[in-house]
């Protein structure tokens, strides 16, 4: 899946662990997301076109 398709309520895999997406907002230089990693909210930026693995 492409980073542009991320939405709150989805979860991406980070080091093999599912991390819920709390916020996903497209910006000029990419998609800014807030992920919940180990109980902490972690901001991240994915450049457009970045492939991400979504937890199922």
N, C-alpha and C. Protein backbone atom coordinates (compact mmCIF):
# COMPACT_ATOMS: atom_id res chain seq x y z
N UNK A 1 0.85 -1.16 0.00
CA UNK A 1 0.00 0.00 0.00
C UNK A 1 0.90 1.23 0.00
N UNK A 2 0.43 2.28 -0.60
CA UNK A 2 1.19 3.52 -0.66
C UNK A 2 0.87 4.38 0.57
N UNK A 3 1.83 5.17 1.01
CA UNK A 3 1.64 6.01 2.20
C UNK A 3 0.46 6.96 2.04
N UNK A 4 0.17 7.38 0.80
CA UNK A 4 -0.95 8.30 0.58
C UNK A 4 -2.30 7.68 0.95
N UNK A 5 -2.35 6.34 1.02
CA UNK A 5 -3.60 5.63 1.31
C UNK A 5 -3.83 5.42 2.80
N UNK A 6 -2.88 5.80 3.64
CA UNK A 6 -3.03 5.60 5.08
C UNK A 6 -4.15 6.47 5.64
N UNK A 7 -4.85 5.94 6.64
CA UNK A 7 -5.93 6.66 7.29
C UNK A 7 -5.99 6.25 8.76
N UNK A 8 -6.50 7.14 9.62
CA UNK A 8 -6.66 6.76 11.03
C UNK A 8 -7.49 5.48 11.15
N UNK A 9 -7.12 4.65 12.10
CA UNK A 9 -7.80 3.38 12.30
C UNK A 9 -7.07 2.21 11.66
N UNK A 10 -6.19 2.50 10.69
CA UNK A 10 -5.38 1.45 10.09
C UNK A 10 -4.17 1.20 10.99
N UNK A 11 -3.42 0.16 10.70
CA UNK A 11 -2.19 -0.11 11.44
C UNK A 11 -1.11 -0.49 10.43
N UNK A 12 0.07 0.07 10.62
CA UNK A 12 1.21 -0.28 9.76
C UNK A 12 2.17 -1.14 10.57
N UNK A 13 2.95 -1.94 9.88
CA UNK A 13 3.93 -2.77 10.56
C UNK A 13 5.24 -2.00 10.69
N UNK A 14 5.74 -1.92 11.91
CA UNK A 14 7.02 -1.30 12.21
C UNK A 14 7.84 -2.35 12.94
N UNK A 15 8.92 -2.78 12.32
CA UNK A 15 9.74 -3.87 12.86
C UNK A 15 8.90 -5.10 13.17
N UNK A 16 7.94 -5.38 12.28
CA UNK A 16 7.10 -6.57 12.42
C UNK A 16 5.96 -6.45 13.40
N UNK A 17 5.80 -5.30 14.02
CA UNK A 17 4.73 -5.11 15.01
C UNK A 17 3.70 -4.12 14.47
N UNK A 18 2.40 -4.40 14.66
CA UNK A 18 1.38 -3.47 14.19
C UNK A 18 1.34 -2.21 15.06
N UNK A 19 1.33 -1.05 14.40
CA UNK A 19 1.27 0.23 15.09
C UNK A 19 0.09 1.02 14.53
N UNK A 20 -0.91 1.33 15.37
CA UNK A 20 -2.08 2.05 14.89
C UNK A 20 -1.72 3.44 14.35
N UNK A 21 -2.40 3.82 13.28
CA UNK A 21 -2.27 5.17 12.71
C UNK A 21 -3.29 6.05 13.41
N UNK A 22 -2.82 7.08 14.11
CA UNK A 22 -3.71 8.00 14.83
C UNK A 22 -4.10 9.20 13.97
N UNK A 23 -3.19 9.60 13.07
CA UNK A 23 -3.43 10.76 12.20
C UNK A 23 -2.65 10.54 10.92
N UNK A 24 -3.23 10.94 9.80
CA UNK A 24 -2.53 10.88 8.52
C UNK A 24 -2.97 12.09 7.70
N UNK A 25 -2.03 13.00 7.45
CA UNK A 25 -2.35 14.23 6.73
C UNK A 25 -1.37 14.44 5.59
N UNK A 26 -1.89 14.55 4.37
CA UNK A 26 -1.01 14.86 3.24
C UNK A 26 -0.50 16.29 3.33
N UNK A 27 0.76 16.48 3.05
CA UNK A 27 1.39 17.80 3.04
C UNK A 27 2.12 17.96 1.71
N UNK A 28 2.79 19.07 1.53
CA UNK A 28 3.49 19.34 0.27
C UNK A 28 4.58 18.31 0.00
N UNK A 29 5.32 17.92 1.03
CA UNK A 29 6.48 17.05 0.84
C UNK A 29 6.25 15.59 1.20
N UNK A 30 5.03 15.22 1.52
CA UNK A 30 4.75 13.83 1.87
C UNK A 30 3.57 13.73 2.81
N UNK A 31 3.41 12.56 3.40
CA UNK A 31 2.32 12.30 4.32
C UNK A 31 2.87 12.29 5.74
N UNK A 32 2.31 13.14 6.59
CA UNK A 32 2.69 13.15 8.01
C UNK A 32 1.72 12.26 8.75
N UNK A 33 2.23 11.36 9.57
CA UNK A 33 1.38 10.46 10.34
C UNK A 33 1.82 10.47 11.80
N UNK A 34 0.87 10.19 12.66
CA UNK A 34 1.17 9.91 14.06
C UNK A 34 0.88 8.43 14.27
N UNK A 35 1.89 7.69 14.73
CA UNK A 35 1.75 6.26 15.00
C UNK A 35 1.81 6.03 16.49
N UNK A 36 1.09 5.03 16.97
CA UNK A 36 1.19 4.65 18.37
C UNK A 36 2.16 3.47 18.44
N UNK A 37 3.33 3.73 19.02
CA UNK A 37 4.38 2.73 19.10
C UNK A 37 4.70 2.50 20.57
N UNK A 38 4.44 1.30 21.05
CA UNK A 38 4.74 0.97 22.44
C UNK A 38 4.07 1.91 23.43
N UNK A 39 2.85 2.33 23.16
CA UNK A 39 2.12 3.21 24.07
C UNK A 39 2.44 4.68 23.92
N UNK A 40 3.36 5.03 23.02
CA UNK A 40 3.72 6.44 22.80
C UNK A 40 3.26 6.87 21.40
N UNK A 41 2.88 8.14 21.28
CA UNK A 41 2.54 8.70 19.98
C UNK A 41 3.83 9.19 19.33
N UNK A 42 4.11 8.68 18.13
CA UNK A 42 5.36 8.99 17.45
C UNK A 42 5.03 9.61 16.09
N UNK A 43 5.49 10.86 15.84
CA UNK A 43 5.26 11.44 14.51
C UNK A 43 6.24 10.87 13.49
N UNK A 44 5.79 10.73 12.26
CA UNK A 44 6.64 10.23 11.19
C UNK A 44 6.21 10.90 9.88
N UNK A 45 7.14 10.94 8.93
CA UNK A 45 6.81 11.48 7.61
C UNK A 45 7.21 10.47 6.57
N UNK A 46 6.28 10.18 5.67
CA UNK A 46 6.55 9.29 4.55
C UNK A 46 6.52 10.12 3.28
N UNK A 47 7.60 10.16 2.50
CA UNK A 47 7.56 10.85 1.20
C UNK A 47 6.51 10.18 0.31
N UNK A 48 5.91 10.97 -0.57
CA UNK A 48 4.93 10.41 -1.50
C UNK A 48 5.53 9.25 -2.27
N UNK A 49 4.74 8.20 -2.46
CA UNK A 49 5.18 7.02 -3.19
C UNK A 49 5.82 5.96 -2.32
N UNK A 50 6.03 6.25 -1.03
CA UNK A 50 6.61 5.26 -0.12
C UNK A 50 5.65 4.10 0.06
N UNK A 51 6.17 2.89 -0.07
CA UNK A 51 5.36 1.70 0.15
C UNK A 51 5.40 1.34 1.63
N UNK A 52 4.23 1.11 2.21
CA UNK A 52 4.14 0.72 3.62
C UNK A 52 3.40 -0.61 3.71
N UNK A 53 3.74 -1.39 4.71
CA UNK A 53 3.07 -2.66 4.93
C UNK A 53 2.00 -2.46 5.99
N UNK A 54 0.77 -2.78 5.63
CA UNK A 54 -0.37 -2.58 6.52
C UNK A 54 -0.65 -3.89 7.24
N UNK A 55 -0.89 -3.80 8.56
CA UNK A 55 -1.24 -4.98 9.35
C UNK A 55 -2.65 -5.41 8.99
N UNK A 56 -2.85 -6.69 8.91
CA UNK A 56 -4.19 -7.21 8.57
C UNK A 56 -4.79 -7.92 9.74
